[in-house]
Each structure stands twice: as structure tokens, then as C-alpha cells.
């Protein structure tokens, strides 16, 4: 049984940083894609960052250069380091993994369109002064 548990959310001022963690169980990192989605109130869910089995990464344009996704296979964890946070980054952030896919989207395609098989319950990130 796959379980994904997010942590690390909170309230941060604009320009600040947060690191989200996703503890995984029943899922072997490096064998399928895993990533982060977010959903703000009244908005559609969007795929923020993804890591493929070969270690390549994907980021939505709005977070490139500010967010970094990483994995720690020994700890069975996935992280999302977020820097230079903006109010528009405010959302519930979800960790998600797939049972089949091994590659994140190619340039020009959206991670948001991926229907992932496993989801965490989310962690709230609020960027406000």
C-alpha cells in the first residue's frame, strides 16, 4: 500500500523560503515518477515539479529558478525547496506518484495533465506579509 505524507508547509513572508517534505512508504523511489502539485482556492490544480527515474526534472515555468525538487532514496523522501516565494505561490501542495510512468513531461507539455495514481493529503503554504 502506497502512502505519501507531506509536511513542511506554513506561513512565510514574500521572498522567504520553505522546504516541503514527502515521506513515502510502499513506493520505491527511482522506479516511477514522483512530483509535486498545488491547488489554490478557486483555481485548477497545477503540476509544479516532477522527477523522472533517470533523475531529470521538470518545473512549471512560474517556479523555474526558484523551486528545486530532490529525492533521498535512503530516507524514502521527496523534497521541494522553495525560495523567493511569492503570494501567488499560496496553495495546498500535494505529493503525487505514479505506478507506471517513468518520465516527466517533455518541454512544451504540462505535468498538470498527468493523472497520478497516488496522492498525499497535502500541506498548506501561505505566502503573505
N, C-alpha and C. Protein backbone atom coordinates (compact mmCIF):
# COMPACT_ATOMS: atom_id res chain seq x y z
N UNK A 1 0.85 -1.19 0.00
CA UNK A 1 0.00 0.00 0.00
C UNK A 1 0.89 1.25 0.00
N UNK A 2 0.69 2.09 -0.99
CA UNK A 2 1.49 3.30 -1.12
C UNK A 2 0.90 4.41 -0.25
N UNK A 3 1.76 5.03 0.52
CA UNK A 3 1.35 6.18 1.32
C UNK A 3 2.33 7.32 1.10
N UNK A 4 1.78 8.50 0.94
CA UNK A 4 2.57 9.72 0.77
C UNK A 4 2.11 10.72 1.82
N UNK A 5 3.03 11.24 2.61
CA UNK A 5 2.67 12.16 3.69
C UNK A 5 3.53 13.41 3.59
N UNK A 6 2.85 14.53 3.32
CA UNK A 6 3.56 15.80 3.17
C UNK A 6 3.72 16.50 4.51
N UNK A 7 4.75 17.31 4.60
CA UNK A 7 4.97 18.15 5.77
C UNK A 7 5.82 19.35 5.36
N UNK A 8 5.89 20.33 6.24
CA UNK A 8 6.78 21.47 6.00
C UNK A 8 6.08 22.74 5.56
N UNK A 9 4.77 22.68 5.35
CA UNK A 9 4.06 23.89 4.96
C UNK A 9 3.97 24.88 6.12
N UNK A 10 3.48 26.06 5.79
CA UNK A 10 3.33 27.08 6.82
C UNK A 10 3.14 28.45 6.23
N UNK A 11 3.26 29.45 7.09
CA UNK A 11 3.14 30.85 6.69
C UNK A 11 4.53 31.44 6.55
N UNK A 12 4.77 32.09 5.42
CA UNK A 12 6.08 32.69 5.16
C UNK A 12 5.87 34.03 4.48
N UNK A 13 6.77 34.96 4.70
CA UNK A 13 6.68 36.26 4.07
C UNK A 13 7.17 36.20 2.63
N UNK A 14 6.68 37.09 1.81
CA UNK A 14 7.19 37.15 0.42
C UNK A 14 8.71 37.28 0.41
N UNK A 15 9.32 36.52 -0.48
CA UNK A 15 10.77 36.49 -0.55
C UNK A 15 11.41 35.43 0.32
N UNK A 16 10.61 34.80 1.16
CA UNK A 16 11.12 33.78 2.06
C UNK A 16 11.24 32.42 1.41
N UNK A 17 11.62 31.44 2.24
CA UNK A 17 11.85 30.08 1.75
C UNK A 17 11.14 29.06 2.64
N UNK A 18 10.82 27.94 2.05
CA UNK A 18 10.27 26.78 2.76
C UNK A 18 10.77 25.54 2.07
N UNK A 19 10.89 24.46 2.85
CA UNK A 19 11.18 23.17 2.26
C UNK A 19 10.07 22.20 2.63
N UNK A 20 9.40 21.69 1.60
CA UNK A 20 8.37 20.69 1.80
C UNK A 20 8.99 19.31 1.72
N UNK A 21 8.47 18.41 2.55
CA UNK A 21 8.92 17.02 2.54
C UNK A 21 7.76 16.10 2.25
N UNK A 22 8.05 15.00 1.60
CA UNK A 22 7.05 13.97 1.33
C UNK A 22 7.66 12.63 1.74
N UNK A 23 7.15 12.09 2.81
CA UNK A 23 7.59 10.77 3.27
C UNK A 23 6.81 9.71 2.53
N UNK A 24 7.51 8.76 1.93
CA UNK A 24 6.86 7.73 1.14
C UNK A 24 7.01 6.36 1.80
N UNK A 25 6.00 5.52 1.59
CA UNK A 25 6.08 4.12 2.00
C UNK A 25 5.33 3.29 0.99
N UNK A 26 5.78 2.06 0.77
CA UNK A 26 5.17 1.21 -0.23
C UNK A 26 5.48 1.62 -1.65
N UNK A 27 6.42 2.53 -1.82
CA UNK A 27 6.78 3.05 -3.14
C UNK A 27 8.29 3.16 -3.20
N UNK A 28 8.89 2.57 -4.20
CA UNK A 28 10.34 2.60 -4.33
C UNK A 28 10.76 3.78 -5.20
N UNK A 29 11.38 4.76 -4.57
CA UNK A 29 11.84 5.93 -5.32
C UNK A 29 12.83 5.52 -6.40
N UNK A 30 12.71 6.21 -7.53
CA UNK A 30 13.62 5.92 -8.64
C UNK A 30 13.08 4.92 -9.62
N UNK A 31 11.91 4.35 -9.36
CA UNK A 31 11.33 3.36 -10.27
C UNK A 31 10.17 3.92 -11.08
N UNK A 32 9.56 4.99 -10.60
CA UNK A 32 8.45 5.67 -11.28
C UNK A 32 8.56 7.18 -10.97
N UNK A 33 7.84 7.96 -11.72
CA UNK A 33 7.91 9.41 -11.49
C UNK A 33 7.20 9.77 -10.19
N UNK A 34 7.69 10.84 -9.60
CA UNK A 34 7.07 11.39 -8.40
C UNK A 34 7.23 12.90 -8.47
N UNK A 35 6.29 13.64 -7.91
CA UNK A 35 6.37 15.09 -8.02
C UNK A 35 5.43 15.81 -7.10
N UNK A 36 5.33 17.11 -7.34
CA UNK A 36 4.51 17.99 -6.53
C UNK A 36 3.49 18.73 -7.39
N UNK A 37 2.26 18.79 -6.88
CA UNK A 37 1.19 19.58 -7.46
C UNK A 37 0.77 20.62 -6.44
N UNK A 38 0.03 21.61 -6.88
CA UNK A 38 -0.55 22.57 -5.95
C UNK A 38 -1.91 23.03 -6.45
N UNK A 39 -2.73 23.45 -5.50
CA UNK A 39 -4.05 23.97 -5.85
C UNK A 39 -4.38 25.13 -4.93
N UNK A 40 -4.61 26.28 -5.55
CA UNK A 40 -5.02 27.47 -4.82
C UNK A 40 -6.54 27.55 -4.82
N UNK A 41 -7.12 28.25 -3.86
CA UNK A 41 -8.58 28.37 -3.82
C UNK A 41 -9.14 28.94 -5.11
N UNK A 42 -10.14 28.28 -5.66
CA UNK A 42 -10.78 28.76 -6.87
C UNK A 42 -10.01 28.53 -8.15
N UNK A 43 -8.88 27.84 -8.05
CA UNK A 43 -8.06 27.60 -9.24
C UNK A 43 -7.90 26.11 -9.48
N UNK A 44 -7.54 25.77 -10.70
CA UNK A 44 -7.31 24.38 -11.03
C UNK A 44 -5.97 23.92 -10.45
N UNK A 45 -5.91 22.64 -10.21
CA UNK A 45 -4.67 22.06 -9.74
C UNK A 45 -3.60 22.17 -10.84
N UNK A 46 -2.37 22.44 -10.44
CA UNK A 46 -1.30 22.52 -11.44
C UNK A 46 -0.09 21.70 -10.98
N UNK A 47 0.54 21.08 -11.94
CA UNK A 47 1.74 20.30 -11.65
C UNK A 47 2.93 21.21 -11.56
N UNK A 48 3.62 21.21 -10.44
CA UNK A 48 4.68 22.16 -10.16
C UNK A 48 6.06 21.61 -10.52
N UNK A 49 6.34 20.40 -10.08
CA UNK A 49 7.68 19.84 -10.29
C UNK A 49 7.59 18.33 -10.32
N UNK A 50 8.51 17.72 -11.07
CA UNK A 50 8.49 16.28 -11.26
C UNK A 50 9.92 15.78 -11.41
N UNK A 51 10.17 14.56 -10.95
CA UNK A 51 11.49 13.95 -11.18
C UNK A 51 11.29 12.59 -11.83
N UNK A 52 12.00 12.37 -12.91
CA UNK A 52 11.92 11.12 -13.65
C UNK A 52 12.84 10.07 -13.03
N UNK A 53 12.71 8.84 -13.51
CA UNK A 53 13.55 7.77 -12.96
C UNK A 53 15.02 7.93 -13.33
N UNK A 54 15.31 8.69 -14.37
CA UNK A 54 16.71 8.93 -14.74
C UNK A 54 17.28 10.16 -14.03
N UNK A 55 16.47 10.76 -13.16
CA UNK A 55 16.92 11.91 -12.40
C UNK A 55 16.63 13.25 -13.03
N UNK A 56 16.15 13.25 -14.26
CA UNK A 56 15.82 14.52 -14.90
C UNK A 56 14.59 15.14 -14.23
N UNK A 57 14.52 16.45 -14.30
CA UNK A 57 13.46 17.15 -13.60
C UNK A 57 12.65 18.03 -14.53
N UNK A 58 11.47 18.33 -14.07
CA UNK A 58 10.54 19.21 -14.79
C UNK A 58 10.03 20.25 -13.80
N UNK A 59 9.90 21.48 -14.27
CA UNK A 59 9.29 22.53 -13.47
C UNK A 59 8.33 23.34 -14.31
N UNK A 60 7.23 23.72 -13.70
CA UNK A 60 6.33 24.64 -14.38
C UNK A 60 7.06 25.98 -14.51
N UNK A 61 6.78 26.72 -15.57
CA UNK A 61 7.53 27.95 -15.85
C UNK A 61 7.53 28.93 -14.69
N UNK A 62 6.43 29.02 -13.98
CA UNK A 62 6.30 30.04 -12.94
C UNK A 62 7.21 29.79 -11.73
N UNK A 63 7.80 28.60 -11.61
CA UNK A 63 8.65 28.32 -10.45
C UNK A 63 10.10 28.04 -10.85
N UNK A 64 10.39 28.04 -12.13
CA UNK A 64 11.76 27.76 -12.57
C UNK A 64 12.73 28.76 -11.96
N UNK A 65 13.83 28.24 -11.46
CA UNK A 65 14.84 29.10 -10.83
C UNK A 65 14.55 29.40 -9.38
N UNK A 66 13.37 29.06 -8.89
CA UNK A 66 13.01 29.32 -7.50
C UNK A 66 12.77 28.03 -6.71
N UNK A 67 12.26 27.01 -7.35
CA UNK A 67 11.94 25.74 -6.69
C UNK A 67 12.91 24.66 -7.16
N UNK A 68 13.21 23.74 -6.26
CA UNK A 68 14.06 22.60 -6.60
C UNK A 68 13.47 21.34 -6.00
N UNK A 69 13.27 20.34 -6.85
CA UNK A 69 12.78 19.04 -6.38
C UNK A 69 13.98 18.11 -6.22
N UNK A 70 13.95 17.31 -5.16
CA UNK A 70 15.04 16.35 -4.94
C UNK A 70 14.49 15.13 -4.23
N UNK A 71 15.25 14.05 -4.29
CA UNK A 71 14.85 12.82 -3.61
C UNK A 71 15.99 12.30 -2.76
N UNK A 72 15.64 11.57 -1.74
CA UNK A 72 16.60 10.89 -0.88
C UNK A 72 16.14 9.44 -0.78
N UNK A 73 16.74 8.58 -1.59
CA UNK A 73 16.28 7.19 -1.64
C UNK A 73 16.48 6.48 -0.30
N UNK A 74 17.52 6.83 0.41
CA UNK A 74 17.78 6.19 1.69
C UNK A 74 16.70 6.54 2.72
N UNK A 75 16.19 7.76 2.62
CA UNK A 75 15.16 8.21 3.53
C UNK A 75 13.75 8.01 2.98
N UNK A 76 13.65 7.52 1.73
CA UNK A 76 12.34 7.35 1.07
C UNK A 76 11.56 8.66 1.10
N UNK A 77 12.23 9.74 0.74
CA UNK A 77 11.61 11.05 0.83
C UNK A 77 11.84 11.87 -0.42
N UNK A 78 10.90 12.73 -0.68
CA UNK A 78 10.98 13.69 -1.78
C UNK A 78 10.83 15.07 -1.17
N UNK A 79 11.62 16.01 -1.69
CA UNK A 79 11.60 17.35 -1.14
C UNK A 79 11.29 18.38 -2.23
N UNK A 80 10.74 19.49 -1.80
CA UNK A 80 10.56 20.63 -2.68
C UNK A 80 11.09 21.85 -1.94
N UNK A 81 12.26 22.30 -2.35
CA UNK A 81 12.85 23.51 -1.78
C UNK A 81 12.30 24.70 -2.53
N UNK A 82 11.67 25.60 -1.80
CA UNK A 82 11.02 26.75 -2.43
C UNK A 82 11.69 28.02 -1.91
N UNK A 83 12.13 28.86 -2.82
CA UNK A 83 12.80 30.10 -2.46
C UNK A 83 12.14 31.26 -3.19
N UNK A 84 12.46 32.47 -2.74
CA UNK A 84 11.89 33.68 -3.36
C UNK A 84 10.38 33.54 -3.52
N UNK A 85 9.74 33.10 -2.47
CA UNK A 85 8.30 32.82 -2.54
C UNK A 85 7.50 34.09 -2.78
N UNK A 86 6.42 33.91 -3.52
CA UNK A 86 5.52 35.00 -3.89
C UNK A 86 4.13 34.70 -3.38
N UNK A 87 3.31 35.72 -3.19
CA UNK A 87 1.92 35.46 -2.75
C UNK A 87 1.18 34.50 -3.67
N UNK A 88 1.49 34.54 -4.95
CA UNK A 88 0.81 33.64 -5.89
C UNK A 88 1.25 32.18 -5.75
N UNK A 89 2.23 31.92 -4.90
CA UNK A 89 2.61 30.53 -4.61
C UNK A 89 1.73 29.93 -3.51
N UNK A 90 0.87 30.74 -2.92
CA UNK A 90 -0.03 30.27 -1.87
C UNK A 90 -0.97 29.19 -2.43
N UNK A 91 -0.97 28.04 -1.78
CA UNK A 91 -1.77 26.91 -2.24
C UNK A 91 -1.59 25.74 -1.28
N UNK A 92 -2.41 24.73 -1.47
CA UNK A 92 -2.16 23.44 -0.84
C UNK A 92 -1.26 22.65 -1.78
N UNK A 93 -0.17 22.16 -1.27
CA UNK A 93 0.80 21.43 -2.06
C UNK A 93 0.66 19.93 -1.79
N UNK A 94 0.59 19.15 -2.89
CA UNK A 94 0.40 17.72 -2.80
C UNK A 94 1.58 16.98 -3.41
N UNK A 95 1.98 15.92 -2.76
CA UNK A 95 2.95 14.99 -3.31
C UNK A 95 2.18 13.91 -4.05
N UNK A 96 2.68 13.52 -5.23
CA UNK A 96 1.97 12.52 -6.02
C UNK A 96 2.96 11.63 -6.75
N UNK A 97 2.60 10.37 -6.88
CA UNK A 97 3.45 9.40 -7.57
C UNK A 97 2.61 8.57 -8.53
N UNK A 98 3.29 7.96 -9.51
CA UNK A 98 2.58 7.14 -10.48
C UNK A 98 3.07 5.71 -10.42
N UNK A 99 2.21 4.79 -10.85
CA UNK A 99 2.56 3.37 -10.80
C UNK A 99 3.16 2.87 -12.10
N UNK A 100 3.11 3.70 -13.16
CA UNK A 100 3.52 3.24 -14.48
C UNK A 100 4.58 4.14 -15.12
N UNK A 101 4.37 5.43 -15.06
CA UNK A 101 5.19 6.38 -15.81
C UNK A 101 6.61 6.48 -15.25
N UNK A 102 7.58 6.59 -16.16
CA UNK A 102 8.98 6.73 -15.75
C UNK A 102 9.58 8.07 -16.16
N UNK A 103 8.86 8.82 -16.99
CA UNK A 103 9.40 10.10 -17.47
C UNK A 103 8.43 11.24 -17.21
N UNK A 104 8.98 12.35 -16.76
CA UNK A 104 8.21 13.57 -16.59
C UNK A 104 7.96 14.20 -17.97
N UNK A 105 7.11 15.21 -18.04
CA UNK A 105 6.78 15.78 -19.34
C UNK A 105 7.99 16.36 -20.07
N UNK A 106 7.94 16.27 -21.38
CA UNK A 106 8.94 16.92 -22.22
C UNK A 106 8.61 18.41 -22.30
N UNK A 107 9.59 19.24 -22.68
CA UNK A 107 9.31 20.68 -22.83
C UNK A 107 8.11 20.90 -23.73
N UNK A 108 7.24 21.78 -23.31
CA UNK A 108 6.05 22.08 -24.08
C UNK A 108 4.83 21.33 -23.62
N UNK A 109 5.01 20.35 -22.77
CA UNK A 109 3.90 19.58 -22.23
C UNK A 109 3.75 19.91 -20.75
N UNK A 110 2.56 19.71 -20.25
CA UNK A 110 2.25 20.10 -18.88
C UNK A 110 2.14 18.90 -17.95
N UNK A 111 2.83 19.00 -16.82
CA UNK A 111 2.71 18.00 -15.77
C UNK A 111 1.30 18.01 -15.19
N UNK A 112 0.64 19.16 -15.29
CA UNK A 112 -0.72 19.28 -14.78
C UNK A 112 -1.68 18.27 -15.40
N UNK A 113 -1.38 17.83 -16.60
CA UNK A 113 -2.26 16.90 -17.31
C UNK A 113 -2.04 15.44 -16.93
N UNK A 114 -1.06 15.18 -16.09
CA UNK A 114 -0.77 13.81 -15.70
C UNK A 114 -1.75 13.37 -14.61
N UNK A 115 -2.35 12.22 -14.82
CA UNK A 115 -3.23 11.64 -13.80
C UNK A 115 -2.46 10.67 -12.93
N UNK A 116 -1.92 11.14 -11.85
CA UNK A 116 -1.09 10.33 -10.98
C UNK A 116 -1.94 9.35 -10.17
N UNK A 117 -1.34 8.22 -9.81
CA UNK A 117 -2.10 7.17 -9.13
C UNK A 117 -2.16 7.33 -7.62
N UNK A 118 -1.14 7.95 -7.03
CA UNK A 118 -1.07 8.03 -5.57
C UNK A 118 -0.91 9.49 -5.16
N UNK A 119 -1.65 9.86 -4.11
CA UNK A 119 -1.64 11.24 -3.65
C UNK A 119 -1.54 11.33 -2.14
N UNK A 120 -0.84 12.34 -1.67
CA UNK A 120 -0.87 12.67 -0.26
C UNK A 120 -2.06 13.56 0.02
N UNK A 121 -2.22 13.93 1.29
CA UNK A 121 -3.36 14.76 1.69
C UNK A 121 -3.08 16.25 1.58
N UNK A 122 -1.83 16.60 1.38
CA UNK A 122 -1.49 18.00 1.14
C UNK A 122 -1.00 18.74 2.37
N UNK A 123 -0.28 19.82 2.10
CA UNK A 123 0.20 20.70 3.15
C UNK A 123 0.02 22.14 2.67
N UNK A 124 -0.48 23.00 3.55
CA UNK A 124 -0.81 24.37 3.17
C UNK A 124 0.44 25.24 3.20
N UNK A 125 0.62 26.01 2.13
CA UNK A 125 1.67 27.02 2.06
C UNK A 125 1.00 28.36 1.85
N UNK A 126 1.27 29.29 2.74
CA UNK A 126 0.70 30.63 2.64
C UNK A 126 1.83 31.64 2.61
N UNK A 127 1.85 32.44 1.56
CA UNK A 127 2.88 33.47 1.41
C UNK A 127 2.20 34.83 1.57
N UNK A 128 2.49 35.48 2.67
CA UNK A 128 1.80 36.74 2.97
C UNK A 128 2.62 37.55 3.97
N UNK A 129 2.50 38.86 3.85
CA UNK A 129 3.16 39.74 4.81
C UNK A 129 2.20 40.11 5.93
